[in-house]
Amino acid sequence: MNEITPDDKPPVSEADERWMRHALDLARRAEAAGEVPVGAVVVRDDVLLGEGWNCPIAEHDATAHAEIRALRAACAEADNYRLPGATLYATLEPCAMCAGAIGHARIERVVYGADDFRAGAVHSIFSVFDEARLNHRVTHVGGVLAEESAALLRAFFRARRARR
């Protein structure tokens, strides 16, 4: 199993926190556009390869999740569909679609903020990265700036409910 438990969870590095803050800024961009506020960045050797924020409504594309958009940008930047040695930072635990794409891209590590108890595929609903039958392992750690990520999502959905 590749999940890092609370007992052996490494300290959050300055770089992890910095890149997660960048992802939170991107999530705010999604929110400003009326999209669910999720942001993601792909980094290798502390260099930004790609970034994305949720845009499925604006793009009329169910696959336009922050992680997918960040992966597409990173693959274009790297001129390769594989991104070994890269870390993907996301403000929300990736869903099954995004977790599958992360594995296919050969991302080494995923760092995410808030758990997603409705669609999370890292550990909340599914444990895609820990599936022994898959040929690529992705290490992962959740809870990095989780409260900020969760607060942004709660405020968004609270405002959405109030408008109805």
Protein backbone atom coordinates (compact mmCIF):
# COMPACT_ATOMS: atom_id res chain seq x y z
CA MET A 1 0.00 0.00 0.00
CA ASN A 2 1.38 3.43 -0.97
CA GLU A 3 -0.84 5.56 1.25
CA ILE A 4 1.03 7.51 3.88
CA THR A 5 -0.80 7.12 7.18
CA PRO A 6 -0.96 9.87 9.82
CA ASP A 7 1.63 7.98 11.87
CA ASP A 8 4.29 8.00 9.15
CA LYS A 9 3.19 11.11 7.28
CA PRO A 10 6.24 13.18 6.38
CA PRO A 11 6.23 16.82 7.34
CA VAL A 12 4.80 19.10 4.71
CA SER A 13 7.67 20.71 2.90
CA GLU A 14 7.84 24.40 2.10
CA ALA A 15 7.61 23.48 -1.58
CA ASP A 16 4.49 21.35 -1.01
CA GLU A 17 2.78 24.20 0.77
CA ARG A 18 3.88 26.75 -1.86
CA TRP A 19 2.58 24.67 -4.78
CA MET A 20 -0.66 23.90 -2.95
CA ARG A 21 -1.18 27.64 -2.42
CA HIS A 22 -0.71 28.09 -6.17
CA ALA A 23 -3.36 25.41 -6.75
CA LEU A 24 -5.68 27.25 -4.32
CA ASP A 25 -5.22 30.45 -6.36
CA LEU A 26 -6.28 28.49 -9.45
CA ALA A 27 -9.30 27.11 -7.57
CA ARG A 28 -10.35 30.70 -6.88
CA ARG A 29 -10.19 31.32 -10.64
CA ALA A 30 -12.63 28.48 -11.17
CA GLU A 31 -14.89 29.88 -8.46
CA ALA A 32 -14.87 33.35 -10.05
CA ALA A 33 -16.06 31.71 -13.29
CA GLY A 34 -18.89 29.90 -11.51
CA GLU A 35 -17.14 26.52 -11.60
CA VAL A 36 -16.54 24.22 -8.63
CA PRO A 37 -13.37 25.66 -7.06
CA VAL A 38 -10.68 23.06 -7.68
CA GLY A 39 -7.17 23.84 -8.86
CA ALA A 40 -4.20 21.67 -9.78
CA VAL A 41 -0.57 22.04 -10.78
CA VAL A 42 2.04 19.59 -12.09
CA VAL A 43 5.60 20.22 -10.96
CA ARG A 44 8.90 18.48 -11.62
CA ASP A 45 12.17 19.49 -9.97
CA ASP A 46 10.32 22.45 -8.41
CA VAL A 47 9.47 23.78 -11.89
CA LEU A 48 5.85 24.31 -12.94
CA LEU A 49 5.00 22.16 -15.97
CA GLY A 50 1.26 22.72 -16.12
CA GLU A 51 -1.68 24.15 -14.26
CA GLY A 52 -5.44 23.88 -14.45
CA TRP A 53 -8.70 24.72 -12.77
CA ASN A 54 -12.17 23.27 -13.17
CA CYS A 55 -13.87 24.34 -16.42
CA PRO A 56 -16.42 21.66 -17.37
CA ILE A 57 -19.31 24.15 -17.57
CA ALA A 58 -17.49 26.77 -19.64
CA GLU A 59 -15.86 24.22 -21.93
CA HIS A 60 -18.94 21.98 -22.21
CA ASP A 61 -16.57 19.12 -21.37
CA ALA A 62 -17.14 16.63 -18.55
CA THR A 63 -13.40 15.86 -18.58
CA ALA A 64 -12.30 19.46 -17.97
CA HIS A 65 -11.36 18.82 -14.35
CA ALA A 66 -8.46 20.79 -12.89
CA GLU A 67 -6.19 17.73 -12.79
CA ILE A 68 -6.86 16.76 -16.42
CA ARG A 69 -6.24 20.31 -17.62
CA ALA A 70 -3.00 20.48 -15.59
CA LEU A 71 -1.87 17.12 -17.01
CA ARG A 72 -2.62 18.22 -20.58
CA ALA A 73 -0.61 21.42 -20.11
CA ALA A 74 2.27 19.56 -18.43
CA CYS A 75 2.45 16.89 -21.14
CA ALA A 76 2.50 19.60 -23.82
CA GLU A 77 5.25 21.46 -21.96
CA ALA A 78 7.31 18.27 -21.50
CA ASP A 79 6.56 17.17 -25.07
CA ASN A 80 5.71 13.75 -23.68
CA TYR A 81 2.56 11.99 -22.48
CA ARG A 82 4.53 10.53 -19.58
CA LEU A 83 5.70 12.66 -16.66
CA PRO A 84 8.03 10.51 -14.52
CA GLY A 85 9.36 12.28 -11.46
CA ALA A 86 6.51 14.79 -11.44
CA THR A 87 4.19 15.70 -8.57
CA LEU A 88 0.58 16.72 -9.08
CA TYR A 89 -0.92 19.06 -6.47
CA ALA A 90 -4.71 19.29 -6.29
CA THR A 91 -6.92 21.13 -3.85
CA LEU A 92 -9.39 18.21 -3.76
CA GLU A 93 -8.81 14.46 -3.71
CA PRO A 94 -8.83 13.31 -7.37
CA CYS A 95 -11.82 11.40 -8.74
CA ALA A 96 -11.56 8.04 -10.53
CA MET A 97 -11.20 9.67 -13.97
CA CYS A 98 -8.39 11.93 -12.80
CA ALA A 99 -6.67 9.18 -10.80
CA GLY A 100 -6.65 7.00 -13.93
CA ALA A 101 -5.14 9.79 -16.01
CA ILE A 102 -2.55 10.48 -13.31
CA GLY A 103 -1.48 6.85 -13.41
CA HIS A 104 -1.34 6.75 -17.21
CA ALA A 105 0.84 9.88 -17.17
CA ARG A 106 3.20 8.10 -14.75
CA ILE A 107 3.01 10.88 -12.19
CA GLU A 108 5.25 9.89 -9.27
CA ARG A 109 3.43 11.63 -6.43
CA VAL A 110 0.08 13.26 -5.70
CA VAL A 111 -0.43 15.81 -2.95
CA TYR A 112 -3.97 16.96 -2.30
CA GLY A 113 -5.88 19.13 0.11
CA ALA A 114 -9.42 18.15 1.05
CA ASP A 115 -10.83 14.64 1.05
CA ASP A 116 -13.74 14.01 -1.33
CA PHE A 117 -16.22 11.71 0.38
CA ARG A 118 -18.52 11.73 -2.67
CA ALA A 119 -16.09 10.85 -5.47
CA GLY A 120 -12.55 10.59 -4.08
CA ALA A 121 -10.48 7.86 -5.69
CA VAL A 122 -7.29 8.07 -3.64
CA HIS A 123 -8.72 6.77 -0.37
CA SER A 124 -12.20 8.16 0.42
CA ILE A 125 -14.31 6.01 -1.96
CA PHE A 126 -11.73 4.13 -4.02
CA SER A 127 -7.99 3.52 -3.59
CA VAL A 128 -6.91 3.58 -7.22
CA PHE A 129 -3.26 4.30 -6.48
CA ASP A 130 -3.06 1.31 -4.13
CA GLU A 131 -4.55 -1.18 -6.60
CA ALA A 132 -1.99 -3.99 -6.87
CA ARG A 133 -3.23 -5.06 -10.31
CA LEU A 134 -2.18 -1.76 -11.89
CA ASN A 135 1.34 -1.51 -13.27
CA HIS A 136 2.19 1.97 -11.93
CA ARG A 137 2.28 3.10 -8.32
CA VAL A 138 1.62 6.69 -7.33
CA THR A 139 2.63 7.76 -3.86
CA HIS A 140 0.19 10.16 -2.26
CA VAL A 141 -0.42 12.35 0.72
CA GLY A 142 -3.63 14.16 1.55
CA GLY A 143 -4.55 16.90 3.95
CA VAL A 144 -2.10 19.57 2.78
CA LEU A 145 -3.87 22.89 3.38
CA ALA A 146 -7.02 20.78 3.70
CA GLU A 147 -8.98 23.29 5.76
CA GLU A 148 -8.38 26.11 3.26
CA SER A 149 -9.36 23.83 0.38
CA ALA A 150 -12.47 22.55 2.16
CA ALA A 151 -13.51 26.05 3.27
CA LEU A 152 -13.38 27.28 -0.32
CA LEU A 153 -15.60 24.40 -1.45
CA ARG A 154 -18.05 24.81 1.45
CA ALA A 155 -18.44 28.54 0.77
CA PHE A 156 -19.00 27.90 -2.94
CA PHE A 157 -21.74 25.33 -2.37
CA ARG A 158 -23.33 27.40 0.43
CA ALA A 159 -23.58 30.39 -1.95
CA ARG A 160 -24.93 28.17 -4.72
CA ARG A 161 -27.66 26.79 -2.42
CA ALA A 162 -28.53 30.33 -1.26
CA ARG A 163 -29.07 31.46 -4.88
CA ARG A 164 -31.63 28.67 -5.44
